[in-house]
PDB file of N, CA and C in Angstrom:
ATOM      1  N   MET A   1      49.452  14.105  54.649  1.00  0.00           N
ATOM      2  CA  MET A   1      49.716  14.583  53.305  1.00  0.00           C
ATOM      3  C   MET A   1      48.668  15.656  52.971  1.00  0.00           C
ATOM      4  N   PRO A   2      49.098  16.835  52.592  1.00  0.00           N
ATOM      5  CA  PRO A   2      48.134  17.886  52.235  1.00  0.00           C
ATOM      6  C   PRO A   2      47.313  17.489  51.010  1.00  0.00           C
ATOM      7  N   THR A   3      46.171  18.128  50.898  1.00  0.00           N
ATOM      8  CA  THR A   3      45.255  17.791  49.812  1.00  0.00           C
ATOM      9  C   THR A   3      45.869  18.059  48.444  1.00  0.00           C
ATOM     10  N   SER A   4      46.588  19.167  48.295  1.00  0.00           N
ATOM     11  CA  SER A   4      47.186  19.473  46.997  1.00  0.00           C
ATOM     12  C   SER A   4      48.248  18.446  46.626  1.00  0.00           C
ATOM     13  N   ARG A   5      49.008  17.988  47.596  1.00  0.00           N
ATOM     14  CA  ARG A   5      50.028  16.966  47.337  1.00  0.00           C
ATOM     15  C   ARG A   5      49.364  15.645  46.936  1.00  0.00           C
ATOM     16  N   ARG A   6      48.276  15.294  47.624  1.00  0.00           N
ATOM     17  CA  ARG A   6      47.555  14.070  47.294  1.00  0.00           C
ATOM     18  C   ARG A   6      46.997  14.152  45.878  1.00  0.00           C
ATOM     19  N   MET A   7      46.479  15.314  45.521  1.00  0.00           N
ATOM     20  CA  MET A   7      45.934  15.508  44.177  1.00  0.00           C
ATOM     21  C   MET A   7      47.036  15.372  43.132  1.00  0.00           C
ATOM     22  N   GLN A   8      48.215  15.905  43.414  1.00  0.00           N
ATOM     23  CA  GLN A   8      49.334  15.776  42.489  1.00  0.00           C
ATOM     24  C   GLN A   8      49.719  14.316  42.293  1.00  0.00           C
ATOM     25  N   VAL A   9      49.734  13.549  43.383  1.00  0.00           N
ATOM     26  CA  VAL A   9      50.082  12.131  43.296  1.00  0.00           C
ATOM     27  C   VAL A   9      49.042  11.381  42.476  1.00  0.00           C
ATOM     28  N   CYS A  10      47.745  11.688  42.682  1.00  0.00           N
ATOM     29  CA  CYS A  10      46.682  11.024  41.925  1.00  0.00           C
ATOM     30  C   CYS A  10      46.758  11.363  40.437  1.00  0.00           C
ATOM     31  N   VAL A  11      47.013  12.630  40.142  1.00  0.00           N
ATOM     32  CA  VAL A  11      47.114  13.049  38.737  1.00  0.00           C
ATOM     33  C   VAL A  11      48.324  12.395  38.087  1.00  0.00           C
ATOM     34  N   ARG A  12      49.424  12.338  38.795  1.00  0.00           N
ATOM     35  CA  ARG A  12      50.635  11.707  38.258  1.00  0.00           C
ATOM     36  C   ARG A  12      50.394  10.218  37.994  1.00  0.00           C
ATOM     37  N   ALA A  13      49.737   9.534  38.926  1.00  0.00           N
ATOM     38  CA  ALA A  13      49.448   8.107  38.736  1.00  0.00           C
ATOM     39  C   ALA A  13      48.510   7.906  37.545  1.00  0.00           C
ATOM     40  N   TYR A  14      47.513   8.770  37.413  1.00  0.00           N
ATOM     41  CA  TYR A  14      46.581   8.680  36.285  1.00  0.00           C
ATOM     42  C   TYR A  14      47.316   8.902  34.967  1.00  0.00           C
ATOM     43  N   LEU A  15      48.183   9.898  34.912  1.00  0.00           N
ATOM     44  CA  LEU A  15      48.904  10.182  33.669  1.00  0.00           C
ATOM     45  C   LEU A  15      49.858   9.051  33.307  1.00  0.00           C
ATOM     46  N   TRP A  16      50.525   8.461  34.302  1.00  0.00           N
ATOM     47  CA  TRP A  16      51.403   7.324  34.017  1.00  0.00           C
ATOM     48  C   TRP A  16      50.592   6.137  33.489  1.00  0.00           C
ATOM     49  N   THR A  17      49.441   5.876  34.113  1.00  0.00           N
ATOM     50  CA  THR A  17      48.591   4.785  33.642  1.00  0.00           C
ATOM     51  C   THR A  17      48.131   5.033  32.217  1.00  0.00           C
ATOM     52  N   LEU A  18      47.715   6.258  31.937  1.00  0.00           N
ATOM     53  CA  LEU A  18      47.283   6.605  30.586  1.00  0.00           C
ATOM     54  C   LEU A  18      48.428   6.459  29.590  1.00  0.00           C
ATOM     55  N   ALA A  19      49.622   6.916  29.961  1.00  0.00           N
ATOM     56  CA  ALA A  19      50.768   6.815  29.067  1.00  0.00           C
ATOM     57  C   ALA A  19      51.127   5.362  28.776  1.00  0.00           C
ATOM     58  N   ILE A  20      51.066   4.515  29.795  1.00  0.00           N
ATOM     59  CA  ILE A  20      51.388   3.099  29.594  1.00  0.00           C
ATOM     60  C   ILE A  20      50.362   2.452  28.675  1.00  0.00           C
ATOM     61  N   HIS A  21      49.068   2.774  28.860  1.00  0.00           N
ATOM     62  CA  HIS A  21      48.046   2.197  27.995  1.00  0.00           C
ATOM     63  C   HIS A  21      48.189   2.672  26.550  1.00  0.00           C
ATOM     64  N   VAL A  22      48.482   3.933  26.361  1.00  0.00           N
ATOM     65  CA  VAL A  22      48.669   4.443  24.998  1.00  0.00           C
ATOM     66  C   VAL A  22      49.887   3.789  24.350  1.00  0.00           C
ATOM     67  N   PHE A  23      50.977   3.684  25.095  1.00  0.00           N
ATOM     68  CA  PHE A  23      52.193   3.067  24.579  1.00  0.00           C
ATOM     69  C   PHE A  23      51.947   1.606  24.196  1.00  0.00           C
ATOM     70  N   MET A  24      51.273   0.850  25.067  1.00  0.00           N
ATOM     71  CA  MET A  24      51.000  -0.550  24.762  1.00  0.00           C
ATOM     72  C   MET A  24      50.034  -0.672  23.578  1.00  0.00           C
ATOM     73  N   GLY A  25      49.091   0.260  23.468  1.00  0.00           N
ATOM     74  CA  GLY A  25      48.191   0.246  22.331  1.00  0.00           C
ATOM     75  C   GLY A  25      48.924   0.475  21.022  1.00  0.00           C
ATOM     76  N   ILE A  26      49.880   1.386  21.054  1.00  0.00           N
ATOM     77  CA  ILE A  26      50.661   1.660  19.840  1.00  0.00           C
ATOM     78  C   ILE A  26      51.496   0.443  19.463  1.00  0.00           C
ATOM     79  N   ILE A  27      52.010  -0.250  20.461  1.00  0.00           N
ATOM     80  CA  ILE A  27      52.831  -1.427  20.185  1.00  0.00           C
ATOM     81  C   ILE A  27      51.968  -2.585  19.677  1.00  0.00           C
ATOM     82  N   LEU A  28      50.809  -2.812  20.304  1.00  0.00           N
ATOM     83  CA  LEU A  28      50.006  -3.989  19.986  1.00  0.00           C
ATOM     84  C   LEU A  28      49.043  -3.795  18.824  1.00  0.00           C
ATOM     85  N   LEU A  29      48.777  -2.565  18.413  1.00  0.00           N
ATOM     86  CA  LEU A  29      47.814  -2.327  17.350  1.00  0.00           C
ATOM     87  C   LEU A  29      48.202  -2.987  16.024  1.00  0.00           C
ATOM     88  N   PRO A  30      49.449  -2.909  15.566  1.00  0.00           N
ATOM     89  CA  PRO A  30      49.789  -3.590  14.307  1.00  0.00           C
ATOM     90  C   PRO A  30      49.614  -5.109  14.384  1.00  0.00           C
ATOM     91  N   ALA A  31      49.938  -5.700  15.534  1.00  0.00           N
ATOM     92  CA  ALA A  31      49.763  -7.145  15.678  1.00  0.00           C
ATOM     93  C   ALA A  31      48.286  -7.518  15.619  1.00  0.00           C
ATOM     94  N   ALA A  32      47.437  -6.725  16.237  1.00  0.00           N
ATOM     95  CA  ALA A  32      45.999  -7.005  16.208  1.00  0.00           C
ATOM     96  C   ALA A  32      45.443  -6.828  14.799  1.00  0.00           C
ATOM     97  N   ALA A  33      45.931  -5.837  14.082  1.00  0.00           N
ATOM     98  CA  ALA A  33      45.452  -5.614  12.719  1.00  0.00           C
ATOM     99  C   ALA A  33      45.862  -6.754  11.798  1.00  0.00           C
ATOM    100  N   ILE A  34      47.068  -7.267  11.955  1.00  0.00           N
ATOM    101  CA  ILE A  34      47.533  -8.377  11.130  1.00  0.00           C
ATOM    102  C   ILE A  34      46.779  -9.649  11.493  1.00  0.00           C
ATOM    103  N   ALA A  35      46.505  -9.852  12.779  1.00  0.00           N
ATOM    104  CA  ALA A  35      45.831 -11.072  13.215  1.00  0.00           C
ATOM    105  C   ALA A  35      44.401 -11.142  12.698  1.00  0.00           C
ATOM    106  N   GLN A  36      43.764 -10.015  12.418  1.00  0.00           N
ATOM    107  CA  GLN A  36      42.381 -10.031  11.974  1.00  0.00           C
ATOM    108  C   GLN A  36      42.255  -9.991  10.461  1.00  0.00           C
ATOM    109  N   GLN A  37      43.357 -10.060   9.756  1.00  0.00           N
ATOM    110  CA  GLN A  37      43.289 -10.068   8.306  1.00  0.00           C
ATOM    111  C   GLN A  37      42.895 -11.450   7.810  1.00  0.00           C
ATOM    112  N   SER A  38      42.130 -11.494   6.751  1.00  0.00           N
ATOM    113  CA  SER A  38      41.705 -12.782   6.201  1.00  0.00           C
ATOM    114  C   SER A  38      42.179 -12.921   4.758  1.00  0.00           C
ATOM    115  N   GLY A  39      43.404 -12.566   4.515  1.00  0.00           N
ATOM    116  CA  GLY A  39      43.930 -12.677   3.158  1.00  0.00           C
ATOM    117  C   GLY A  39      43.727 -11.381   2.399  1.00  0.00           C
ATOM    118  N   ASN A  40      43.510 -11.519   1.100  1.00  0.00           N
ATOM    119  CA  ASN A  40      43.368 -10.338   0.258  1.00  0.00           C
ATOM    120  C   ASN A  40      41.954  -9.778   0.233  1.00  0.00           C
ATOM    121  N   SER A  41      40.962 -10.592   0.574  1.00  0.00           N
ATOM    122  CA  SER A  41      39.583 -10.120   0.488  1.00  0.00           C
ATOM    123  C   SER A  41      38.959 -10.097   1.874  1.00  0.00           C
ATOM    124  N   PRO A  42      38.161  -9.058   2.162  1.00  0.00           N
ATOM    125  CA  PRO A  42      37.503  -9.014   3.465  1.00  0.00           C
ATOM    126  C   PRO A  42      36.378 -10.036   3.548  1.00  0.00           C
ATOM    127  N   VAL A  43      36.081 -10.464   4.765  1.00  0.00           N
ATOM    128  CA  VAL A  43      34.991 -11.405   4.988  1.00  0.00           C
ATOM    129  C   VAL A  43      33.743 -10.588   5.270  1.00  0.00           C
ATOM    130  N   LEU A  44      32.771 -10.668   4.385  1.00  0.00           N
ATOM    131  CA  LEU A  44      31.527  -9.908   4.534  1.00  0.00           C
ATOM    132  C   LEU A  44      30.354 -10.856   4.665  1.00  0.00           C
ATOM    133  N   GLY A  45      29.367 -10.459   5.467  1.00  0.00           N
ATOM    134  CA  GLY A  45      28.154 -11.247   5.609  1.00  0.00           C
ATOM    135  C   GLY A  45      28.309 -12.472   6.485  1.00  0.00           C
ATOM    136  N   LYS A  46      29.402 -12.592   7.211  1.00  0.00           N
ATOM    137  CA  LYS A  46      29.619 -13.723   8.093  1.00  0.00           C
ATOM    138  C   LYS A  46      29.732 -13.205   9.519  1.00  0.00           C
ATOM    139  N   ALA A  47      28.959 -13.791  10.415  1.00  0.00           N
ATOM    140  CA  ALA A  47      29.024 -13.385  11.811  1.00  0.00           C
ATOM    141  C   ALA A  47      30.165 -14.116  12.509  1.00  0.00           C
ATOM    142  N   VAL A  48      30.190 -15.401  12.385  1.00  0.00           N
ATOM    143  CA  VAL A  48      31.228 -16.241  12.963  1.00  0.00           C
ATOM    144  C   VAL A  48      31.721 -17.122  11.831  1.00  0.00           C
ATOM    145  N   GLN A  49      32.966 -17.501  11.884  1.00  0.00           N
ATOM    146  CA  GLN A  49      33.531 -18.303  10.809  1.00  0.00           C
ATOM    147  C   GLN A  49      32.688 -19.558  10.582  1.00  0.00           C
ATOM    148  N   GLY A  50      32.204 -19.731   9.378  1.00  0.00           N
ATOM    149  CA  GLY A  50      31.387 -20.888   9.048  1.00  0.00           C
ATOM    150  C   GLY A  50      29.911 -20.693   9.321  1.00  0.00           C
ATOM    151  N   GLN A  51      29.509 -19.553   9.862  1.00  0.00           N
ATOM    152  CA  GLN A  51      28.110 -19.302  10.188  1.00  0.00           C
ATOM    153  C   GLN A  51      27.600 -18.105   9.407  1.00  0.00           C
ATOM    154  N   SER A  52      26.311 -18.052   9.229  1.00  0.00           N
ATOM    155  CA  SER A  52      25.659 -16.907   8.626  1.00  0.00           C
ATOM    156  C   SER A  52      24.890 -16.175   9.719  1.00  0.00           C
ATOM    157  N   ALA A  53      24.865 -14.857   9.668  1.00  0.00           N
ATOM    158  CA  ALA A  53      24.139 -14.085  10.660  1.00  0.00           C
ATOM    159  C   ALA A  53      22.641 -14.166  10.453  1.00  0.00           C
ATOM    160  N   ALA A  54      22.194 -14.799   9.361  1.00  0.00           N
ATOM    161  CA  ALA A  54      20.762 -14.883   9.078  1.00  0.00           C
ATOM    162  C   ALA A  54      20.059 -15.830  10.042  1.00  0.00           C
ATOM    163  N   GLY A  55      20.731 -16.873  10.463  1.00  0.00           N
ATOM    164  CA  GLY A  55      20.109 -17.846  11.358  1.00  0.00           C
ATOM    165  C   GLY A  55      20.288 -17.464  12.811  1.00  0.00           C
ATOM    166  N   ILE A  56      19.442 -18.011  13.662  1.00  0.00           N
ATOM    167  CA  ILE A  56      19.518 -17.687  15.086  1.00  0.00           C
ATOM    168  C   ILE A  56      20.805 -18.225  15.702  1.00  0.00           C
ATOM    169  N   GLU A  57      21.323 -19.319  15.147  1.00  0.00           N
ATOM    170  CA  GLU A  57      22.543 -19.885  15.715  1.00  0.00           C
ATOM    171  C   GLU A  57      23.717 -18.924  15.538  1.00  0.00           C
ATOM    172  N   GLY A  58      23.833 -18.366  14.345  1.00  0.00           N
ATOM    173  CA  GLY A  58      24.933 -17.430  14.100  1.00  0.00           C
ATOM    174  C   GLY A  58      24.802 -16.171  14.930  1.00  0.00           C
ATOM    175  N   THR A  59      23.575 -15.670  15.080  1.00  0.00           N
ATOM    176  CA  THR A  59      23.358 -14.466  15.864  1.00  0.00           C
ATOM    177  C   THR A  59      23.646 -14.718  17.328  1.00  0.00           C
ATOM    178  N   LEU A  60      23.167 -15.838  17.862  1.00  0.00           N
ATOM    179  CA  LEU A  60      23.404 -16.155  19.268  1.00  0.00           C
ATOM    180  C   LEU A  60      24.884 -16.369  19.527  1.00  0.00           C
ATOM    181  N   GLU A  61      25.550 -17.078  18.636  1.00  0.00           N
ATOM    182  CA  GLU A  61      26.976 -17.324  18.814  1.00  0.00           C
ATOM    183  C   GLU A  61      27.769 -16.021  18.738  1.00  0.00           C
ATOM    184  N   THR A  62      27.362 -15.127  17.857  1.00  0.00           N
ATOM    185  CA  THR A  62      28.025 -13.830  17.762  1.00  0.00           C
ATOM    186  C   THR A  62      27.833 -13.034  19.045  1.00  0.00           C
ATOM    187  N   GLY A  63      26.613 -13.059  19.587  1.00  0.00           N
ATOM    188  CA  GLY A  63      26.351 -12.338  20.836  1.00  0.00           C
ATOM    189  C   GLY A  63      27.162 -12.881  21.993  1.00  0.00           C
ATOM    190  N   VAL A  64      27.189 -14.203  22.145  1.00  0.00           N
ATOM    191  CA  VAL A  64      27.969 -14.813  23.224  1.00  0.00           C
ATOM    192  C   VAL A  64      29.454 -14.521  23.025  1.00  0.00           C
ATOM    193  N   ASN A  65      29.907 -14.613  21.785  1.00  0.00           N
ATOM    194  CA  ASN A  65      31.307 -14.334  21.477  1.00  0.00           C
ATOM    195  C   ASN A  65      31.668 -12.898  21.838  1.00  0.00           C
ATOM    196  N   TYR A  66      30.784 -11.959  21.510  1.00  0.00           N
ATOM    197  CA  TYR A  66      31.048 -10.548  21.788  1.00  0.00           C
ATOM    198  C   TYR A  66      31.069 -10.272  23.281  1.00  0.00           C
ATOM    199  N   ILE A  67      30.134 -10.872  24.012  1.00  0.00           N
ATOM    200  CA  ILE A  67      30.094 -10.666  25.459  1.00  0.00           C
ATOM    201  C   ILE A  67      31.332 -11.257  26.119  1.00  0.00           C
ATOM    202  N   SER A  68      31.686 -12.486  25.740  1.00  0.00           N
ATOM    203  CA  SER A  68      32.784 -13.152  26.431  1.00  0.00           C
ATOM    204  C   SER A  68      34.155 -12.642  26.012  1.00  0.00           C
ATOM    205  N   ASN A  69      34.290 -12.154  24.805  1.00  0.00           N
ATOM    206  CA  ASN A  69      35.613 -11.735  24.339  1.00  0.00           C
ATOM    207  C   ASN A  69      35.834 -10.237  24.366  1.00  0.00           C
ATOM    208  N   VAL A  70      34.763  -9.430  24.420  1.00  0.00           N
ATOM    209  CA  VAL A  70      34.918  -7.977  24.346  1.00  0.00           C
ATOM    210  C   VAL A  70      34.372  -7.293  25.587  1.00  0.00           C
ATOM    211  N   LEU A  71      33.077  -7.435  25.817  1.00  0.00           N
ATOM    212  CA  LEU A  71      32.440  -6.670  26.885  1.00  0.00           C
ATOM    213  C   LEU A  71      32.913  -7.083  28.278  1.00  0.00           C
ATOM    214  N   GLY A  72      33.002  -8.381  28.531  1.00  0.00           N
ATOM    215  CA  GLY A  72      33.420  -8.851  29.853  1.00  0.00           C
ATOM    216  C   GLY A  72      34.805  -8.363  30.252  1.00  0.00           C
ATOM    217  N   PRO A  73      35.827  -8.605  29.435  1.00  0.00           N
ATOM    218  CA  PRO A  73      37.164  -8.131  29.804  1.00  0.00           C
ATOM    219  C   PRO A  73      37.278  -6.604  29.867  1.00  0.00           C
ATOM    220  N   LEU A  74      36.582  -5.884  28.978  1.00  0.00           N
ATOM    221  CA  LEU A  74      36.640  -4.418  29.044  1.00  0.00           C
ATOM    222  C   LEU A  74      36.009  -3.893  30.325  1.00  0.00           C
ATOM    223  N   ALA A  75      34.852  -4.426  30.675  1.00  0.00           N
ATOM    224  CA  ALA A  75      34.198  -3.996  31.904  1.00  0.00           C
ATOM    225  C   ALA A  75      35.032  -4.381  33.121  1.00  0.00           C
ATOM    226  N   ALA A  76      35.635  -5.572  33.097  1.00  0.00           N
ATOM    227  CA  ALA A  76      36.486  -5.989  34.213  1.00  0.00           C
ATOM    228  C   ALA A  76      37.679  -5.054  34.360  1.00  0.00           C
ATOM    229  N   GLY A  77      38.292  -4.693  33.242  1.00  0.00           N
ATOM    230  CA  GLY A  77      39.406  -3.742  33.301  1.00  0.00           C
ATOM    231  C   GLY A  77      38.970  -2.397  33.849  1.00  0.00           C
ATOM    232  N   GLY A  78      37.775  -1.950  33.464  1.00  0.00           N
ATOM    233  CA  GLY A  78      37.257  -0.692  33.992  1.00  0.00           C
ATOM    234  C   GLY A  78      37.038  -0.758  35.491  1.00  0.00           C
ATOM    235  N   PHE A  79      36.478  -1.866  35.979  1.00  0.00           N
ATOM    236  CA  PHE A  79      36.261  -2.002  37.414  1.00  0.00           C
ATOM    237  C   PHE A  79      37.576  -2.100  38.176  1.00  0.00           C
ATOM    238  N   LEU A  80      38.556  -2.806  37.617  1.00  0.00           N
ATOM    239  CA  LEU A  80      39.846  -2.904  38.297  1.00  0.00           C
ATOM    240  C   LEU A  80      40.576  -1.558  38.297  1.00  0.00           C
ATOM    241  N   LEU A  81      40.452  -0.794  37.227  1.00  0.00           N
ATOM    242  CA  LEU A  81      41.017   0.556  37.209  1.00  0.00           C
ATOM    243  C   LEU A  81      40.297   1.437  38.230  1.00  0.00           C
ATOM    244  N   HIS A  82      38.990   1.276  38.350  1.00  0.00           N
ATOM    245  CA  HIS A  82      38.233   2.028  39.350  1.00  0.00           C
ATOM    246  C   HIS A  82      38.700   1.671  40.762  1.00  0.00           C
ATOM    247  N   SER A  83      39.029   0.408  40.984  1.00  0.00           N
ATOM    248  CA  SER A  83      39.512   0.025  42.313  1.00  0.00           C
ATOM    249  C   SER A  83      40.849   0.685  42.632  1.00  0.00           C
ATOM    250  N   LEU A  84      41.718   0.833  41.628  1.00  0.00           N
ATOM    251  CA  LEU A  84      42.992   1.537  41.861  1.00  0.00           C
ATOM    252  C   LEU A  84      42.760   3.002  42.213  1.00  0.00           C
ATOM    253  N   VAL A  85      41.858   3.633  41.488  1.00  0.00           N
ATOM    254  CA  VAL A  85      41.553   5.031  41.760  1.00  0.00           C
ATOM    255  C   VAL A  85      40.937   5.168  43.150  1.00  0.00           C
ATOM    256  N   ALA A  86      40.031   4.260  43.503  1.00  0.00           N
ATOM    257  CA  ALA A  86      39.408   4.308  44.824  1.00  0.00           C
ATOM    258  C   ALA A  86      40.449   4.102  45.919  1.00  0.00           C
ATOM    259  N   TYR A  87      41.377   3.203  45.697  1.00  0.00           N
ATOM    260  CA  TYR A  87      42.425   2.955  46.701  1.00  0.00           C
ATOM    261  C   TYR A  87      43.316   4.182  46.866  1.00  0.00           C
ATOM    262  N   HIS A  88      43.675   4.825  45.772  1.00  0.00           N
ATOM    263  CA  HIS A  88      44.533   6.012  45.854  1.00  0.00           C
ATOM    264  C   HIS A  88      43.822   7.184  46.514  1.00  0.00           C
ATOM    265  N   GLN A  89      42.509   7.212  46.424  1.00  0.00           N
ATOM    266  CA  GLN A  89      41.756   8.291  47.045  1.00  0.00           C
ATOM    267  C   GLN A  89      41.330   7.953  48.466  1.00  0.00           C
ATOM    268  N   GLY A  90      41.776   6.828  48.969  1.00  0.00           N
ATOM    269  CA  GLY A  90      41.466   6.451  50.333  1.00  0.00           C
ATOM    270  C   GLY A  90      40.122   5.772  50.494  1.00  0.00           C
ATOM    271  N   GLY A  91      39.516   5.344  49.410  1.00  0.00           N
ATOM    272  CA  GLY A  91      38.213   4.686  49.463  1.00  0.00           C
ATOM    273  C   GLY A  91      38.349   3.185  49.668  1.00  0.00           C
ATOM    274  N   ARG A  92      37.242   2.500  49.465  1.00  0.00           N
ATOM    275  CA  ARG A  92      37.215   1.046  49.624  1.00  0.00           C
ATOM    276  C   ARG A  92      37.128   0.400  48.235  1.00  0.00           C
ATOM    277  N   PRO A  93      38.193  -0.232  47.788  1.00  0.00           N
ATOM    278  CA  PRO A  93      38.211  -0.774  46.420  1.00  0.00           C
ATOM    279  C   PRO A  93      37.685  -2.197  46.291  1.00  0.00           C
ATOM    280  N   MET A  94      37.323  -2.843  47.422  1.00  0.00           N
ATOM    281  CA  MET A  94      37.026  -4.272  47.360  1.00  0.00           C
ATOM    282  C   MET A  94      35.806  -4.589  46.498  1.00  0.00           C
ATOM    283  N   LYS A  95      34.781  -3.737  46.502  1.00  0.00           N
ATOM    284  CA  LYS A  95      33.605  -3.996  45.667  1.00  0.00           C
ATOM    285  C   LYS A  95      33.985  -4.017  44.188  1.00  0.00           C
ATOM    286  N   SER A  96      34.822  -3.079  43.783  1.00  0.00           N
ATOM    287  CA  SER A  96      35.240  -3.027  42.376  1.00  0.00           C
ATOM    288  C   SER A  96      36.117  -4.217  42.013  1.00  0.00           C
ATOM    289  N   ILE A  97      36.976  -4.633  42.929  1.00  0.00           N
ATOM    290  CA  ILE A  97      37.844  -5.785  42.663  1.00  0.00           C
ATOM    291  C   ILE A  97      37.009  -7.047  42.499  1.00  0.00           C
ATOM    292  N   ILE A  98      36.042  -7.251  43.404  1.00  0.00           N
ATOM    293  CA  ILE A  98      35.197  -8.445  43.326  1.00  0.00           C
ATOM    294  C   ILE A  98      34.370  -8.430  42.040  1.00  0.00           C
ATOM    295  N   THR A  99      33.850  -7.264  41.663  1.00  0.00           N
ATOM    296  CA  THR A  99      33.063  -7.174  40.430  1.00  0.00           C
ATOM    297  C   THR A  99      33.928  -7.453  39.207  1.00  0.00           C
ATOM    298  N   GLY A 100      35.150  -6.891  39.166  1.00  0.00           N
ATOM    299  CA  GLY A 100      36.046  -7.122  38.035  1.00  0.00           C
ATOM    300  C   GLY A 100      36.438  -8.581  37.904  1.00  0.00           C
ATOM    301  N   VAL A 101      36.780  -9.221  39.018  1.00  0.00           N
ATOM    302  CA  VAL A 101      37.160 -10.633  38.977  1.00  0.00           C
ATOM    303  C   VAL A 101      35.944 -11.485  38.604  1.00  0.00           C
ATOM    304  N   GLY A 102      34.763 -11.116  39.102  1.00  0.00           N
ATOM    305  CA  GLY A 102      33.551 -11.842  38.728  1.00  0.00           C
ATOM    306  C   GLY A 102      33.259 -11.741  37.239  1.00  0.00           C
ATOM    307  N   LEU A 103      33.450 -10.558  36.666  1.00  0.00           N
ATOM    308  CA  LEU A 103      33.239 -10.393  35.223  1.00  0.00           C
ATOM    309  C   LEU A 103      34.234 -11.230  34.418  1.00  0.00           C
ATOM    310  N   LEU A 104      35.477 -11.274  34.877  1.00  0.00           N
ATOM    311  CA  LEU A 104      36.450 -12.131  34.183  1.00  0.00           C
ATOM    312  C   LEU A 104      36.050 -13.599  34.293  1.00  0.00           C
ATOM    313  N   GLY A 105      35.524 -14.001  35.459  1.00  0.00           N
ATOM    314  CA  GLY A 105      35.072 -15.380  35.628  1.00  0.00           C
ATOM    315  C   GLY A 105      33.920 -15.718  34.699  1.00  0.00           C
ATOM    316  N   VAL A 106      32.940 -14.815  34.591  1.00  0.00           N
ATOM    317  CA  VAL A 106      31.813 -15.042  33.688  1.00  0.00           C
ATOM    318  C   VAL A 106      32.298 -15.096  32.241  1.00  0.00           C
ATOM    319  N   SER A 107      33.232 -14.210  31.887  1.00  0.00           N
ATOM    320  CA  SER A 107      33.773 -14.202  30.532  1.00  0.00           C
ATOM    321  C   SER A 107      34.459 -15.531  30.218  1.00  0.00           C
ATOM    322  N   GLN A 108      35.256 -16.018  31.156  1.00  0.00           N
ATOM    323  CA  GLN A 108      35.962 -17.274  30.913  1.00  0.00           C
ATOM    324  C   GLN A 108      34.999 -18.455  30.887  1.00  0.00           C
ATOM    325  N   ALA A 109      33.946 -18.413  31.723  1.00  0.00           N
ATOM    326  CA  ALA A 109      32.958 -19.497  31.701  1.00  0.00           C
ATOM    327  C   ALA A 109      32.240 -19.537  30.356  1.00  0.00           C
ATOM    328  N   LEU A 110      31.895 -18.367  29.810  1.00  0.00           N
ATOM    329  CA  LEU A 110      31.256 -18.330  28.495  1.00  0.00           C
ATOM    330  C   LEU A 110      32.196 -18.835  27.404  1.00  0.00           C
ATOM    331  N   ARG A 111      33.461 -18.490  27.520  1.00  0.00           N
ATOM    332  CA  ARG A 111      34.423 -18.996  26.531  1.00  0.00           C
ATOM    333  C   ARG A 111      34.575 -20.503  26.637  1.00  0.00           C
ATOM    334  N   LEU A 112      34.520 -21.043  27.872  1.00  0.00           N
ATOM    335  CA  LEU A 112      34.604 -22.487  28.055  1.00  0.00           C
ATOM    336  C   LEU A 112      33.384 -23.187  27.460  1.00  0.00           C
ATOM    337  N   VAL A 113      32.191 -22.619  27.680  1.00  0.00           N
ATOM    338  CA  VAL A 113      30.977 -23.185  27.093  1.00  0.00           C
ATOM    339  C   VAL A 113      31.059 -23.143  25.576  1.00  0.00           C
ATOM    340  N   GLU A 114      31.559 -22.038  25.036  1.00  0.00           N
ATOM    341  CA  GLU A 114      31.719 -21.927  23.584  1.00  0.00           C
ATOM    342  C   GLU A 114      32.674 -22.999  23.061  1.00  0.00           C
ATOM    343  N   TRP A 115      33.747 -23.276  23.815  1.00  0.00           N
ATOM    344  CA  TRP A 115      34.691 -24.310  23.408  1.00  0.00           C
ATOM    345  C   TRP A 115      34.037 -25.686  23.456  1.00  0.00           C
ATOM    346  N   PHE A 116      33.209 -25.935  24.501  1.00  0.00           N
ATOM    347  CA  PHE A 116      32.509 -27.216  24.580  1.00  0.00           C
ATOM    348  C   PHE A 116      31.564 -27.404  23.397  1.00  0.00           C
ATOM    349  N   VAL A 117      30.852 -26.349  23.026  1.00  0.00           N
ATOM    350  CA  VAL A 117      29.934 -26.435  21.889  1.00  0.00           C
ATOM    351  C   VAL A 117      30.710 -26.700  20.608  1.00  0.00           C
ATOM    352  N   THR A 118      31.808 -26.004  20.418  1.00  0.00           N
ATOM    353  CA  THR A 118      32.621 -26.193  19.217  1.00  0.00           C
ATOM    354  C   THR A 118      33.198 -27.606  19.176  1.00  0.00           C
ATOM    355  N   SER A 119      33.665 -28.109  20.319  1.00  0.00           N
ATOM    356  CA  SER A 119      34.216 -29.457  20.364  1.00  0.00           C
ATOM    357  C   SER A 119      33.127 -30.501  20.155  1.00  0.00           C
ATOM    358  N   GLY A 120      31.924 -30.225  20.652  1.00  0.00           N
ATOM    359  CA  GLY A 120      30.816 -31.161  20.481  1.00  0.00           C
ATOM    360  C   GLY A 120      30.357 -31.245  19.041  1.00  0.00           C
ATOM    361  N   GLN A 121      30.460 -30.151  18.312  1.00  0.00           N
ATOM    362  CA  GLN A 121      30.065 -30.154  16.904  1.00  0.00           C
ATOM    363  C   GLN A 121      31.017 -30.994  16.068  1.00  0.00           C
ATOM    364  N   ALA A 122      32.257 -31.106  16.529  1.00  0.00           N
ATOM    365  CA  ALA A 122      33.234 -31.888  15.776  1.00  0.00           C
ATOM    366  C   ALA A 122      33.009 -33.384  15.939  1.00  0.00           C
ATOM    367  N   GLY A 123      32.294 -33.769  16.976  1.00  0.00           N
ATOM    368  CA  GLY A 123      32.015 -35.192  17.198  1.00  0.00           C
ATOM    369  C   GLY A 123      32.964 -35.796  18.204  1.00  0.00           C
ATOM    370  N   ILE A 124      32.587 -36.920  18.734  1.00  0.00           N
ATOM    371  CA  ILE A 124      33.416 -37.623  19.726  1.00  0.00           C
ATOM    372  C   ILE A 124      34.307 -38.595  18.973  1.00  0.00           C
ATOM    373  N   HIS A 125      35.584 -38.557  19.286  1.00  0.00           N
ATOM    374  CA  HIS A 125      36.541 -39.443  18.607  1.00  0.00           C
ATOM    375  C   HIS A 125      37.025 -40.486  19.550  1.00  0.00           C
TER     376      HIS A 125
END
């Protein structure tokens, strides 16, 4: 395959990926906006529901929540997208795949720990 043809295929794949992400974002954005509404009044001064950001518990829980729910999956998606680009360019994508799956694993482990803490606060029944 000539270099110009390979470049065309890579650009086409990138544009299709970008178009699909934009399309899905347009579809899912209203659902995400509705899901984060808290009635008629915004929630201010609260880090996590029922917690205040003034205490170390609220700050730590907010940090863990942000890492496990935002940063981990975003970074994993970036690494998995990098593996696709590396594969299309004839490179070795396995390092990116392992890193992306590892980040998802860490994210899910943190979410599981958060669930255990939340369940433990409710008491044993």
